[in-house]
Amino acid sequence: MNTSKMLWTGRIATGLFALFMLGASIAPKLLGMPVAEQTLAQLGWPPGYAFTIGLIELACLLLYLIPRTSMFGAVLMMSLLGGAMATQVRAESPLFSHVLFSLYLGLFMWGGLWLRDARLRKLFPINRKTAP
């Protein structure tokens, strides 16, 4: 694939990931929407944690979006998504729709970063075998 096409595909994937995180997760928590507290309560979290979790998510997302700190932000975001996955496991949520959703998001996030960052592609190359 052309490097320019990979870069733009990665930027679009990164933008979609960021928009999803802002709209579905971070904004409801930071704006104090009741749905955020209700959802966390259903998952077994005590009241009052939504805002703090939203700040942590926003910090991880900002680190991910800054090119110089993108890998560090991706590692932190994946750690956060792992915690969300553990919460879903503890709440005995459905496997493919709830528990693994954090994994799906993480793979999408890392895919966008892999496409837009040559350092990550060098670290994790995809080798193609060519026919002789």
N, C-alpha and C. Protein backbone atom coordinates (compact mmCIF):
# COMPACT_ATOMS: atom_id res chain seq x y z
N MET A 1 0.85 -1.18 0.00
CA MET A 1 0.00 0.00 0.00
C MET A 1 0.89 1.24 0.00
N ASN A 2 0.46 2.25 -0.69
CA ASN A 2 1.18 3.51 -0.77
C ASN A 2 1.28 4.14 0.62
N THR A 3 2.46 4.68 0.95
CA THR A 3 2.67 5.27 2.27
C THR A 3 1.71 6.42 2.54
N SER A 4 1.43 7.22 1.54
CA SER A 4 0.49 8.34 1.69
C SER A 4 -0.92 7.83 1.99
N LYS A 5 -1.32 6.77 1.30
CA LYS A 5 -2.65 6.19 1.55
C LYS A 5 -2.72 5.59 2.94
N MET A 6 -1.64 4.94 3.37
CA MET A 6 -1.60 4.37 4.72
C MET A 6 -1.71 5.46 5.76
N LEU A 7 -0.99 6.54 5.56
CA LEU A 7 -1.01 7.65 6.50
C LEU A 7 -2.42 8.23 6.63
N TRP A 8 -3.08 8.47 5.50
CA TRP A 8 -4.42 9.05 5.55
C TRP A 8 -5.45 8.07 6.08
N THR A 9 -5.30 6.80 5.76
CA THR A 9 -6.20 5.80 6.33
C THR A 9 -6.02 5.73 7.84
N GLY A 10 -4.78 5.79 8.30
CA GLY A 10 -4.50 5.80 9.74
C GLY A 10 -5.05 7.03 10.42
N ARG A 11 -4.93 8.17 9.77
CA ARG A 11 -5.47 9.41 10.35
C ARG A 11 -6.99 9.34 10.46
N ILE A 12 -7.64 8.80 9.43
CA ILE A 12 -9.10 8.68 9.46
C ILE A 12 -9.52 7.70 10.55
N ALA A 13 -8.85 6.55 10.65
CA ALA A 13 -9.17 5.59 11.71
C ALA A 13 -8.95 6.20 13.08
N THR A 14 -7.87 6.94 13.24
CA THR A 14 -7.59 7.61 14.52
C THR A 14 -8.67 8.63 14.83
N GLY A 15 -9.08 9.40 13.83
CA GLY A 15 -10.14 10.39 14.03
C GLY A 15 -11.46 9.75 14.41
N LEU A 16 -11.79 8.63 13.76
CA LEU A 16 -13.03 7.93 14.09
C LEU A 16 -12.98 7.38 15.51
N PHE A 17 -11.83 6.83 15.89
CA PHE A 17 -11.67 6.33 17.26
C PHE A 17 -11.83 7.46 18.26
N ALA A 18 -11.19 8.60 17.98
CA ALA A 18 -11.27 9.75 18.89
C ALA A 18 -12.70 10.26 19.00
N LEU A 19 -13.39 10.37 17.88
CA LEU A 19 -14.78 10.84 17.91
C LEU A 19 -15.66 9.88 18.69
N PHE A 20 -15.46 8.58 18.49
CA PHE A 20 -16.24 7.60 19.24
C PHE A 20 -15.99 7.74 20.74
N MET A 21 -14.72 7.82 21.11
CA MET A 21 -14.39 7.92 22.54
C MET A 21 -14.96 9.19 23.16
N LEU A 22 -14.85 10.30 22.42
CA LEU A 22 -15.39 11.56 22.93
C LEU A 22 -16.91 11.52 23.07
N GLY A 23 -17.58 10.99 22.05
CA GLY A 23 -19.04 11.01 22.05
C GLY A 23 -19.69 9.97 22.92
N ALA A 24 -19.13 8.78 22.96
CA ALA A 24 -19.79 7.69 23.65
C ALA A 24 -19.31 7.49 25.08
N SER A 25 -18.12 7.95 25.38
CA SER A 25 -17.56 7.64 26.69
C SER A 25 -17.17 8.88 27.48
N ILE A 26 -16.32 9.69 26.91
CA ILE A 26 -15.73 10.79 27.67
C ILE A 26 -16.74 11.90 27.96
N ALA A 27 -17.43 12.38 26.93
CA ALA A 27 -18.36 13.50 27.10
C ALA A 27 -19.46 13.22 28.12
N PRO A 28 -20.13 12.06 28.07
CA PRO A 28 -21.18 11.83 29.08
C PRO A 28 -20.64 11.87 30.51
N LYS A 29 -19.43 11.39 30.70
CA LYS A 29 -18.86 11.38 32.05
C LYS A 29 -18.45 12.77 32.49
N LEU A 30 -17.81 13.52 31.61
CA LEU A 30 -17.35 14.86 31.98
C LEU A 30 -18.50 15.86 32.10
N LEU A 31 -19.55 15.64 31.34
CA LEU A 31 -20.71 16.54 31.41
C LEU A 31 -21.67 16.18 32.54
N GLY A 32 -21.35 15.10 33.24
CA GLY A 32 -22.18 14.71 34.38
C GLY A 32 -23.55 14.17 33.97
N MET A 33 -23.63 13.56 32.82
CA MET A 33 -24.90 13.02 32.36
C MET A 33 -25.31 11.84 33.25
N PRO A 34 -26.57 11.78 33.62
CA PRO A 34 -27.02 10.69 34.50
C PRO A 34 -26.76 9.30 33.93
N VAL A 35 -26.79 9.16 32.61
CA VAL A 35 -26.58 7.85 32.01
C VAL A 35 -25.20 7.29 32.36
N ALA A 36 -24.21 8.15 32.51
CA ALA A 36 -22.86 7.68 32.85
C ALA A 36 -22.84 7.08 34.25
N GLU A 37 -23.41 7.77 35.21
CA GLU A 37 -23.47 7.25 36.59
C GLU A 37 -24.32 6.00 36.67
N GLN A 38 -25.44 5.99 35.93
CA GLN A 38 -26.32 4.82 35.96
C GLN A 38 -25.63 3.59 35.39
N THR A 39 -24.93 3.78 34.30
CA THR A 39 -24.22 2.66 33.66
C THR A 39 -23.13 2.12 34.58
N LEU A 40 -22.37 3.03 35.18
CA LEU A 40 -21.32 2.58 36.10
C LEU A 40 -21.91 1.89 37.33
N ALA A 41 -23.06 2.37 37.80
CA ALA A 41 -23.72 1.74 38.95
C ALA A 41 -24.17 0.31 38.59
N GLN A 42 -24.68 0.14 37.37
CA GLN A 42 -25.10 -1.20 36.93
C GLN A 42 -23.91 -2.16 36.85
N LEU A 43 -22.73 -1.60 36.59
CA LEU A 43 -21.53 -2.43 36.50
C LEU A 43 -20.85 -2.63 37.86
N GLY A 44 -21.43 -2.05 38.90
CA GLY A 44 -20.90 -2.26 40.24
C GLY A 44 -19.97 -1.18 40.76
N TRP A 45 -19.85 -0.08 40.05
CA TRP A 45 -19.00 1.01 40.51
C TRP A 45 -19.77 1.88 41.50
N PRO A 46 -19.11 2.33 42.57
CA PRO A 46 -19.79 3.24 43.52
C PRO A 46 -20.04 4.60 42.88
N PRO A 47 -21.00 5.34 43.38
CA PRO A 47 -21.30 6.67 42.81
C PRO A 47 -20.10 7.61 42.90
N GLY A 48 -20.00 8.51 41.93
CA GLY A 48 -18.99 9.55 41.97
C GLY A 48 -17.72 9.28 41.19
N TYR A 49 -17.61 8.14 40.53
CA TYR A 49 -16.39 7.82 39.79
C TYR A 49 -16.44 8.23 38.33
N ALA A 50 -17.59 8.57 37.81
CA ALA A 50 -17.73 8.84 36.38
C ALA A 50 -16.84 9.99 35.93
N PHE A 51 -16.83 11.08 36.66
CA PHE A 51 -16.05 12.25 36.25
C PHE A 51 -14.56 11.94 36.23
N THR A 52 -14.07 11.24 37.25
CA THR A 52 -12.66 10.89 37.33
C THR A 52 -12.26 9.96 36.19
N ILE A 53 -13.09 8.97 35.90
CA ILE A 53 -12.81 8.06 34.80
C ILE A 53 -12.80 8.83 33.48
N GLY A 54 -13.73 9.76 33.32
CA GLY A 54 -13.77 10.59 32.11
C GLY A 54 -12.50 11.41 31.94
N LEU A 55 -11.97 11.97 33.03
CA LEU A 55 -10.71 12.72 32.95
C LEU A 55 -9.54 11.83 32.55
N ILE A 56 -9.49 10.63 33.11
CA ILE A 56 -8.42 9.70 32.77
C ILE A 56 -8.52 9.31 31.29
N GLU A 57 -9.73 9.03 30.82
CA GLU A 57 -9.93 8.68 29.41
C GLU A 57 -9.51 9.84 28.51
N LEU A 58 -9.87 11.06 28.88
CA LEU A 58 -9.51 12.22 28.08
C LEU A 58 -8.00 12.41 28.03
N ALA A 59 -7.33 12.23 29.16
CA ALA A 59 -5.87 12.35 29.19
C ALA A 59 -5.21 11.30 28.30
N CYS A 60 -5.69 10.06 28.36
CA CYS A 60 -5.14 8.99 27.51
C CYS A 60 -5.39 9.30 26.04
N LEU A 61 -6.58 9.79 25.72
CA LEU A 61 -6.90 10.11 24.33
C LEU A 61 -6.02 11.24 23.81
N LEU A 62 -5.81 12.27 24.62
CA LEU A 62 -4.96 13.38 24.19
C LEU A 62 -3.52 12.92 23.96
N LEU A 63 -3.02 12.07 24.84
CA LEU A 63 -1.67 11.53 24.64
C LEU A 63 -1.60 10.70 23.36
N TYR A 64 -2.67 9.97 23.06
CA TYR A 64 -2.73 9.16 21.85
C TYR A 64 -2.76 10.02 20.59
N LEU A 65 -3.41 11.16 20.66
CA LEU A 65 -3.56 12.02 19.48
C LEU A 65 -2.32 12.86 19.18
N ILE A 66 -1.47 13.09 20.16
CA ILE A 66 -0.25 13.86 19.95
C ILE A 66 0.80 12.92 19.35
N PRO A 67 1.29 13.22 18.16
CA PRO A 67 2.22 12.28 17.50
C PRO A 67 3.43 11.87 18.35
N ARG A 68 3.98 12.79 19.08
CA ARG A 68 5.18 12.49 19.87
C ARG A 68 4.90 11.51 21.02
N THR A 69 3.67 11.51 21.54
CA THR A 69 3.32 10.65 22.67
C THR A 69 2.28 9.60 22.31
N SER A 70 2.07 9.38 21.02
CA SER A 70 0.98 8.51 20.58
C SER A 70 1.13 7.07 21.07
N MET A 71 2.34 6.52 21.06
CA MET A 71 2.50 5.13 21.52
C MET A 71 2.26 5.02 23.01
N PHE A 72 2.75 5.98 23.78
CA PHE A 72 2.50 5.99 25.22
C PHE A 72 1.00 6.12 25.49
N GLY A 73 0.33 7.01 24.76
CA GLY A 73 -1.11 7.16 24.91
C GLY A 73 -1.87 5.90 24.54
N ALA A 74 -1.40 5.19 23.49
CA ALA A 74 -2.06 3.96 23.09
C ALA A 74 -1.91 2.87 24.15
N VAL A 75 -0.73 2.80 24.76
CA VAL A 75 -0.52 1.82 25.83
C VAL A 75 -1.43 2.15 27.02
N LEU A 76 -1.49 3.42 27.39
CA LEU A 76 -2.36 3.81 28.51
C LEU A 76 -3.83 3.56 28.18
N MET A 77 -4.23 3.90 26.95
CA MET A 77 -5.63 3.69 26.55
C MET A 77 -5.96 2.20 26.56
N MET A 78 -5.04 1.37 26.09
CA MET A 78 -5.29 -0.08 26.09
C MET A 78 -5.40 -0.60 27.52
N SER A 79 -4.63 -0.02 28.43
CA SER A 79 -4.74 -0.41 29.83
C SER A 79 -6.11 -0.04 30.38
N LEU A 80 -6.57 1.13 30.02
CA LEU A 80 -7.90 1.57 30.43
C LEU A 80 -8.98 0.66 29.85
N LEU A 81 -8.83 0.30 28.57
CA LEU A 81 -9.79 -0.60 27.93
C LEU A 81 -9.74 -1.99 28.56
N GLY A 82 -8.57 -2.41 29.00
CA GLY A 82 -8.46 -3.69 29.71
C GLY A 82 -9.21 -3.66 31.03
N GLY A 83 -9.15 -2.53 31.72
CA GLY A 83 -9.92 -2.38 32.95
C GLY A 83 -11.42 -2.41 32.68
N ALA A 84 -11.83 -1.80 31.58
CA ALA A 84 -13.25 -1.85 31.20
C ALA A 84 -13.67 -3.28 30.89
N MET A 85 -12.77 -4.02 30.25
CA MET A 85 -13.07 -5.41 29.94
C MET A 85 -13.20 -6.24 31.22
N ALA A 86 -12.31 -5.99 32.17
CA ALA A 86 -12.37 -6.70 33.45
C ALA A 86 -13.68 -6.38 34.19
N THR A 87 -14.12 -5.13 34.10
CA THR A 87 -15.38 -4.75 34.73
C THR A 87 -16.54 -5.50 34.09
N GLN A 88 -16.52 -5.63 32.77
CA GLN A 88 -17.59 -6.35 32.07
C GLN A 88 -17.56 -7.85 32.42
N VAL A 89 -16.38 -8.41 32.58
CA VAL A 89 -16.27 -9.82 32.99
C VAL A 89 -16.86 -10.00 34.38
N ARG A 90 -16.49 -9.09 35.29
CA ARG A 90 -16.98 -9.19 36.67
C ARG A 90 -18.49 -9.04 36.73
N ALA A 91 -19.05 -8.22 35.85
CA ALA A 91 -20.50 -8.00 35.82
C ALA A 91 -21.23 -9.11 35.06
N GLU A 92 -20.48 -10.10 34.56
CA GLU A 92 -21.02 -11.24 33.81
C GLU A 92 -21.82 -10.78 32.59
N SER A 93 -21.26 -9.81 31.87
CA SER A 93 -21.89 -9.29 30.65
C SER A 93 -21.66 -10.29 29.50
N PRO A 94 -22.46 -10.16 28.44
CA PRO A 94 -22.27 -11.04 27.28
C PRO A 94 -20.87 -10.88 26.68
N LEU A 95 -20.31 -12.00 26.23
CA LEU A 95 -18.91 -12.02 25.78
C LEU A 95 -18.65 -11.17 24.55
N PHE A 96 -19.29 -11.47 23.43
CA PHE A 96 -18.93 -10.82 22.17
C PHE A 96 -19.40 -9.38 22.06
N SER A 97 -20.51 -9.04 22.68
CA SER A 97 -21.04 -7.68 22.54
C SER A 97 -20.53 -6.72 23.61
N HIS A 98 -20.20 -7.20 24.79
CA HIS A 98 -19.80 -6.31 25.87
C HIS A 98 -18.35 -6.53 26.31
N VAL A 99 -18.01 -7.76 26.67
CA VAL A 99 -16.68 -8.04 27.20
C VAL A 99 -15.60 -7.75 26.16
N LEU A 100 -15.78 -8.24 24.95
CA LEU A 100 -14.76 -8.08 23.92
C LEU A 100 -14.83 -6.74 23.19
N PHE A 101 -15.81 -5.91 23.50
CA PHE A 101 -15.93 -4.61 22.82
C PHE A 101 -14.68 -3.76 23.06
N SER A 102 -14.13 -3.81 24.24
CA SER A 102 -12.90 -3.06 24.53
C SER A 102 -11.74 -3.56 23.67
N LEU A 103 -11.70 -4.86 23.43
CA LEU A 103 -10.67 -5.41 22.56
C LEU A 103 -10.85 -4.92 21.13
N TYR A 104 -12.09 -4.89 20.66
CA TYR A 104 -12.37 -4.38 19.31
C TYR A 104 -11.90 -2.93 19.19
N LEU A 105 -12.23 -2.12 20.19
CA LEU A 105 -11.80 -0.71 20.18
C LEU A 105 -10.28 -0.60 20.19
N GLY A 106 -9.65 -1.41 21.03
CA GLY A 106 -8.19 -1.38 21.11
C GLY A 106 -7.52 -1.77 19.81
N LEU A 107 -8.05 -2.78 19.15
CA LEU A 107 -7.48 -3.19 17.86
C LEU A 107 -7.66 -2.10 16.81
N PHE A 108 -8.81 -1.44 16.82
CA PHE A 108 -9.05 -0.33 15.90
C PHE A 108 -8.09 0.82 16.18
N MET A 109 -7.90 1.12 17.47
CA MET A 109 -6.98 2.19 17.87
C MET A 109 -5.55 1.88 17.43
N TRP A 110 -5.07 0.66 17.74
CA TRP A 110 -3.71 0.28 17.36
C TRP A 110 -3.56 0.21 15.84
N GLY A 111 -4.60 -0.23 15.15
CA GLY A 111 -4.55 -0.27 13.69
C GLY A 111 -4.35 1.11 13.09
N GLY A 112 -5.09 2.09 13.62
CA GLY A 112 -4.93 3.46 13.15
C GLY A 112 -3.53 3.98 13.41
N LEU A 113 -3.00 3.67 14.58
CA LEU A 113 -1.64 4.11 14.91
C LEU A 113 -0.60 3.40 14.04
N TRP A 114 -0.80 2.11 13.79
CA TRP A 114 0.13 1.36 12.96
C TRP A 114 0.18 1.93 11.54
N LEU A 115 -0.98 2.31 11.03
CA LEU A 115 -1.02 2.86 9.68
C LEU A 115 -0.38 4.24 9.58
N ARG A 116 -0.44 5.04 10.64
CA ARG A 116 0.07 6.40 10.55
C ARG A 116 1.46 6.59 11.15
N ASP A 117 2.03 5.56 11.75
CA ASP A 117 3.33 5.71 12.41
C ASP A 117 4.31 4.66 11.90
N ALA A 118 5.32 5.12 11.17
CA ALA A 118 6.32 4.22 10.59
C ALA A 118 7.12 3.49 11.66
N ARG A 119 7.31 4.11 12.82
CA ARG A 119 8.07 3.45 13.90
C ARG A 119 7.36 2.18 14.36
N LEU A 120 6.04 2.24 14.45
CA LEU A 120 5.28 1.07 14.88
C LEU A 120 5.27 0.00 13.78
N ARG A 121 5.20 0.42 12.53
CA ARG A 121 5.26 -0.54 11.42
C ARG A 121 6.62 -1.23 11.38
N LYS A 122 7.67 -0.51 11.73
CA LYS A 122 9.00 -1.10 11.76
C LYS A 122 9.10 -2.10 12.93
N LEU A 123 8.47 -1.77 14.04
CA LEU A 123 8.49 -2.64 15.21
C LEU A 123 7.66 -3.90 14.99
N PHE A 124 6.51 -3.75 14.32
CA PHE A 124 5.61 -4.87 14.02
C PHE A 124 5.34 -4.93 12.52
N PRO A 125 6.30 -5.44 11.75
CA PRO A 125 6.10 -5.48 10.30
C PRO A 125 5.15 -6.61 9.91
N ILE A 126 4.48 -6.40 8.80
CA ILE A 126 3.67 -7.45 8.21
C ILE A 126 4.44 -7.94 6.99
N ASN A 127 4.94 -9.14 7.09
CA ASN A 127 5.73 -9.70 5.99
C ASN A 127 4.83 -10.45 5.03
N ARG A 128 5.07 -10.21 3.79
CA ARG A 128 4.34 -10.93 2.74
C ARG A 128 5.34 -11.84 2.04
N LYS A 129 4.96 -13.08 1.89
CA LYS A 129 5.80 -14.01 1.15
C LYS A 129 5.43 -13.88 -0.33
N THR A 130 6.45 -13.75 -1.13
CA THR A 130 6.21 -13.66 -2.56
C THR A 130 6.51 -15.01 -3.20
N ALA A 131 5.76 -15.31 -4.21
CA ALA A 131 5.97 -16.58 -4.92
C ALA A 131 7.27 -16.52 -5.71
N PRO A 132 8.04 -17.62 -5.74
CA PRO A 132 9.32 -17.60 -6.49
C PRO A 132 9.14 -17.54 -7.97
